[in-house]
C-alpha atoms as a PDB file:
ATOM      1  CA  UNK A   1     -10.188   0.645  15.429  1.00  0.00           C
ATOM      2  CA  UNK A   2      -8.572   0.948  12.053  1.00  0.00           C
ATOM      3  CA  UNK A   3      -5.628   2.105  10.041  1.00  0.00           C
ATOM      4  CA  UNK A   4      -5.029   5.807   9.463  1.00  0.00           C
ATOM      5  CA  UNK A   5      -2.209   7.560   7.631  1.00  0.00           C
ATOM      6  CA  UNK A   6      -0.493  10.904   7.852  1.00  0.00           C
ATOM      7  CA  UNK A   7      -0.978  13.297   4.913  1.00  0.00           C
ATOM      8  CA  UNK A   8      -4.449  11.950   4.056  1.00  0.00           C
ATOM      9  CA  UNK A   9      -7.848  11.282   5.591  1.00  0.00           C
ATOM     10  CA  UNK A  10      -7.960   7.769   4.107  1.00  0.00           C
ATOM     11  CA  UNK A  11      -8.909   5.042   6.558  1.00  0.00           C
ATOM     12  CA  UNK A  12      -9.303   1.281   6.353  1.00  0.00           C
ATOM     13  CA  UNK A  13     -10.217  -1.309   8.934  1.00  0.00           C
ATOM     14  CA  UNK A  14      -7.256  -3.613   9.483  1.00  0.00           C
ATOM     15  CA  UNK A  15      -9.113  -6.443   7.760  1.00  0.00           C
ATOM     16  CA  UNK A  16     -10.125  -4.169   4.915  1.00  0.00           C
ATOM     17  CA  UNK A  17      -6.537  -3.030   4.384  1.00  0.00           C
ATOM     18  CA  UNK A  18      -5.367  -6.630   4.403  1.00  0.00           C
ATOM     19  CA  UNK A  19      -7.956  -7.506   1.730  1.00  0.00           C
ATOM     20  CA  UNK A  20      -6.951  -4.429  -0.264  1.00  0.00           C
ATOM     21  CA  UNK A  21      -3.316  -5.531  -0.300  1.00  0.00           C
ATOM     22  CA  UNK A  22      -4.352  -9.061  -1.294  1.00  0.00           C
ATOM     23  CA  UNK A  23      -6.127  -7.590  -4.319  1.00  0.00           C
ATOM     24  CA  UNK A  24      -3.066  -5.557  -5.259  1.00  0.00           C
ATOM     25  CA  UNK A  25      -0.827  -8.591  -4.861  1.00  0.00           C
ATOM     26  CA  UNK A  26      -3.099 -10.710  -7.035  1.00  0.00           C
ATOM     27  CA  UNK A  27      -2.862  -8.106  -9.803  1.00  0.00           C
ATOM     28  CA  UNK A  28       0.905  -8.543  -9.963  1.00  0.00           C
ATOM     29  CA  UNK A  29       0.681 -12.344  -9.859  1.00  0.00           C
ATOM     30  CA  UNK A  30       1.444 -12.739  -6.162  1.00  0.00           C
ATOM     31  CA  UNK A  31      -0.450 -14.696  -3.535  1.00  0.00           C
ATOM     32  CA  UNK A  32       0.135 -12.617  -0.411  1.00  0.00           C
ATOM     33  CA  UNK A  33      -0.494 -15.644   1.810  1.00  0.00           C
ATOM     34  CA  UNK A  34       2.618 -17.279   0.321  1.00  0.00           C
ATOM     35  CA  UNK A  35       4.862 -14.398   1.376  1.00  0.00           C
ATOM     36  CA  UNK A  36       7.071 -14.071   4.449  1.00  0.00           C
ATOM     37  CA  UNK A  37       5.148 -12.133   7.068  1.00  0.00           C
ATOM     38  CA  UNK A  38       1.800 -13.396   5.778  1.00  0.00           C
ATOM     39  CA  UNK A  39       2.173 -17.076   6.667  1.00  0.00           C
ATOM     40  CA  UNK A  40       4.327 -18.217   3.764  1.00  0.00           C
ATOM     41  CA  UNK A  41       8.024 -18.556   3.077  1.00  0.00           C
ATOM     42  CA  UNK A  42       8.538 -16.640  -0.180  1.00  0.00           C
ATOM     43  CA  UNK A  43      10.612 -13.466   0.196  1.00  0.00           C
ATOM     44  CA  UNK A  44       9.270 -10.259  -1.313  1.00  0.00           C
ATOM     45  CA  UNK A  45      12.580  -9.428  -2.986  1.00  0.00           C
ATOM     46  CA  UNK A  46      11.978 -12.011  -5.717  1.00  0.00           C
ATOM     47  CA  UNK A  47       9.270  -9.718  -7.135  1.00  0.00           C
ATOM     48  CA  UNK A  48      10.203  -6.605  -9.053  1.00  0.00           C
ATOM     49  CA  UNK A  49       7.285  -4.195  -8.838  1.00  0.00           C
ATOM     50  CA  UNK A  50       6.983  -0.651  -7.528  1.00  0.00           C
ATOM     51  CA  UNK A  51       4.055  -1.667  -5.285  1.00  0.00           C
ATOM     52  CA  UNK A  52       6.187  -4.085  -3.197  1.00  0.00           C
ATOM     53  CA  UNK A  53       7.060  -1.625  -0.379  1.00  0.00           C
ATOM     54  CA  UNK A  54       3.322  -1.189   0.299  1.00  0.00           C
ATOM     55  CA  UNK A  55       2.708  -4.940   0.286  1.00  0.00           C
ATOM     56  CA  UNK A  56       5.747  -5.758   2.431  1.00  0.00           C
ATOM     57  CA  UNK A  57       4.829  -3.364   5.225  1.00  0.00           C
ATOM     58  CA  UNK A  58       3.253  -3.600   8.645  1.00  0.00           C
ATOM     59  CA  UNK A  59      -0.464  -2.965   8.564  1.00  0.00           C
ATOM     60  CA  UNK A  60      -0.536  -0.991  11.786  1.00  0.00           C
ATOM     61  CA  UNK A  61       2.636   1.031  12.272  1.00  0.00           C
ATOM     62  CA  UNK A  62       5.746   2.363  10.641  1.00  0.00           C
ATOM     63  CA  UNK A  63       6.214   4.613   7.669  1.00  0.00           C
ATOM     64  CA  UNK A  64       7.083   4.795   4.005  1.00  0.00           C
ATOM     65  CA  UNK A  65       9.958   7.074   3.056  1.00  0.00           C
ATOM     66  CA  UNK A  66       9.472   9.965   0.638  1.00  0.00           C
ATOM     67  CA  UNK A  67      11.338   7.966  -2.023  1.00  0.00           C
ATOM     68  CA  UNK A  68       9.112   4.932  -1.463  1.00  0.00           C
ATOM     69  CA  UNK A  69       6.051   7.176  -1.735  1.00  0.00           C
ATOM     70  CA  UNK A  70       7.303   8.549  -5.076  1.00  0.00           C
ATOM     71  CA  UNK A  71       7.760   4.975  -6.287  1.00  0.00           C
ATOM     72  CA  UNK A  72       4.476   3.539  -5.031  1.00  0.00           C
ATOM     73  CA  UNK A  73       1.937   6.290  -5.805  1.00  0.00           C
ATOM     74  CA  UNK A  74       1.940   6.059  -9.621  1.00  0.00           C
ATOM     75  CA  UNK A  75       1.910   2.268  -9.561  1.00  0.00           C
ATOM     76  CA  UNK A  76      -0.934   2.248  -7.052  1.00  0.00           C
ATOM     77  CA  UNK A  77      -2.998   4.485  -9.317  1.00  0.00           C
ATOM     78  CA  UNK A  78      -2.258   2.207 -12.250  1.00  0.00           C
ATOM     79  CA  UNK A  79      -3.224  -0.986 -10.423  1.00  0.00           C
ATOM     80  CA  UNK A  80      -6.576   0.349  -9.178  1.00  0.00           C
ATOM     81  CA  UNK A  81      -7.550   2.174 -12.372  1.00  0.00           C
ATOM     82  CA  UNK A  82     -10.088  -0.496 -13.336  1.00  0.00           C
ATOM     83  CA  UNK A  83     -11.609  -0.908  -9.880  1.00  0.00           C
ATOM     84  CA  UNK A  84     -15.036   0.548  -9.103  1.00  0.00           C
ATOM     85  CA  UNK A  85     -15.364   0.493  -5.330  1.00  0.00           C
ATOM     86  CA  UNK A  86     -14.407   1.887  -1.932  1.00  0.00           C
ATOM     87  CA  UNK A  87     -10.887   0.472  -2.189  1.00  0.00           C
ATOM     88  CA  UNK A  88     -10.280   2.440  -5.386  1.00  0.00           C
ATOM     89  CA  UNK A  89     -11.370   5.701  -3.747  1.00  0.00           C
ATOM     90  CA  UNK A  90      -9.182   4.981  -0.739  1.00  0.00           C
ATOM     91  CA  UNK A  91      -6.254   3.932  -2.926  1.00  0.00           C
ATOM     92  CA  UNK A  92      -6.421   7.160  -4.913  1.00  0.00           C
ATOM     93  CA  UNK A  93      -6.576   9.151  -1.681  1.00  0.00           C
ATOM     94  CA  UNK A  94      -3.614   7.198  -0.339  1.00  0.00           C
ATOM     95  CA  UNK A  95      -1.642   7.881  -3.534  1.00  0.00           C
ATOM     96  CA  UNK A  96      -2.435  11.598  -3.163  1.00  0.00           C
ATOM     97  CA  UNK A  97      -1.213  11.446   0.451  1.00  0.00           C
ATOM     98  CA  UNK A  98       1.979   9.748  -0.738  1.00  0.00           C
ATOM     99  CA  UNK A  99       2.522  12.536  -3.265  1.00  0.00           C
ATOM    100  CA  UNK A 100       1.995  15.170  -0.577  1.00  0.00           C
ATOM    101  CA  UNK A 101       4.392  13.449   1.829  1.00  0.00           C
ATOM    102  CA  UNK A 102       7.039  13.033  -0.874  1.00  0.00           C
ATOM    103  CA  UNK A 103       6.708  16.649  -2.004  1.00  0.00           C
ATOM    104  CA  UNK A 104       7.144  17.796   1.592  1.00  0.00           C
ATOM    105  CA  UNK A 105      10.131  15.471   2.063  1.00  0.00           C
ATOM    106  CA  UNK A 106       8.323  13.664   4.879  1.00  0.00           C
ATOM    107  CA  UNK A 107       7.533  10.000   5.473  1.00  0.00           C
ATOM    108  CA  UNK A 108       3.955   8.743   5.190  1.00  0.00           C
ATOM    109  CA  UNK A 109       3.128   7.347   8.609  1.00  0.00           C
ATOM    110  CA  UNK A 110       0.880   4.371   9.293  1.00  0.00           C
ATOM    111  CA  UNK A 111      -1.133   5.014  12.467  1.00  0.00           C
END
């Protein structure tokens, strides 16, 4: 069992995706465990970063709008540019899927 997306073949285990988002959050100075929905009480809206819609999202269902995809994809590429691992490859594939979804005017679905 794991997390799949529309518009890309990228796949994470649920735990792996959670760890991936923790790494992204850390890069913008956020401790994901302190945030609402992750055990804490800090609301996401106090952070101003284009990656927030990906961090503040269910890890097993829902979708990102085409506009959110346009916002997130470039920032995602920027944040993982220095990584050298599986998460970087998946992140770049996810960003490509976001671009495809946005260009087609479709949401990127979490499955």
